[in-house]
């Protein structure tokens, strides 16, 4: 994907509830929401 990014989170494993992973997920979700807001999706 052209807009993909790799983020390496220090002191993190595989669980989504680890503080560093959770912060990154919230940050990236907010960026995605801002990017796609206003777009319409058709099923």
Protein backbone atom coordinates (compact mmCIF):
# COMPACT_ATOMS: atom_id res chain seq x y z
CA UNK A 1 0.00 0.00 0.00
CA UNK A 2 1.52 3.33 -0.99
CA UNK A 3 0.60 5.14 2.24
CA UNK A 4 1.75 2.33 4.54
CA UNK A 5 4.16 3.04 7.36
CA UNK A 6 6.16 0.77 9.62
CA UNK A 7 6.22 1.84 13.24
CA UNK A 8 8.56 0.07 15.61
CA UNK A 9 7.32 0.44 19.16
CA UNK A 10 9.98 0.24 21.86
CA UNK A 11 9.47 -2.31 24.64
CA UNK A 12 6.34 -3.76 23.02
CA UNK A 13 5.30 -7.29 22.19
CA UNK A 14 2.23 -8.55 20.40
CA UNK A 15 -0.64 -7.50 22.67
CA UNK A 16 -2.81 -4.58 21.59
CA UNK A 17 -3.29 -3.49 25.21
CA UNK A 18 0.37 -2.72 25.87
CA UNK A 19 0.82 1.03 26.49
CA UNK A 20 3.09 1.72 23.49
CA UNK A 21 0.99 -0.36 21.09
CA UNK A 22 -2.25 1.16 22.37
CA UNK A 23 -0.92 4.71 21.95
CA UNK A 24 0.20 3.96 18.39
CA UNK A 25 -3.14 2.34 17.50
CA UNK A 26 -5.08 5.35 18.80
CA UNK A 27 -2.77 7.76 16.98
CA UNK A 28 -2.99 5.95 13.65
CA UNK A 29 -6.75 5.40 13.95
CA UNK A 30 -7.21 9.14 14.42
CA UNK A 31 -5.05 9.85 11.37
CA UNK A 32 -7.03 7.37 9.28
CA UNK A 33 -10.33 8.86 10.44
CA UNK A 34 -9.16 12.35 9.50
CA UNK A 35 -7.93 11.15 6.12
CA UNK A 36 -11.15 9.33 5.25
CA UNK A 37 -13.68 11.70 6.79
CA UNK A 38 -15.97 13.10 4.20
CA UNK A 39 -15.45 10.17 1.84
CA UNK A 40 -18.42 8.05 0.88
CA UNK A 41 -18.26 4.29 0.68
CA UNK A 42 -20.52 2.17 -1.45
CA UNK A 43 -21.31 -1.46 -0.66
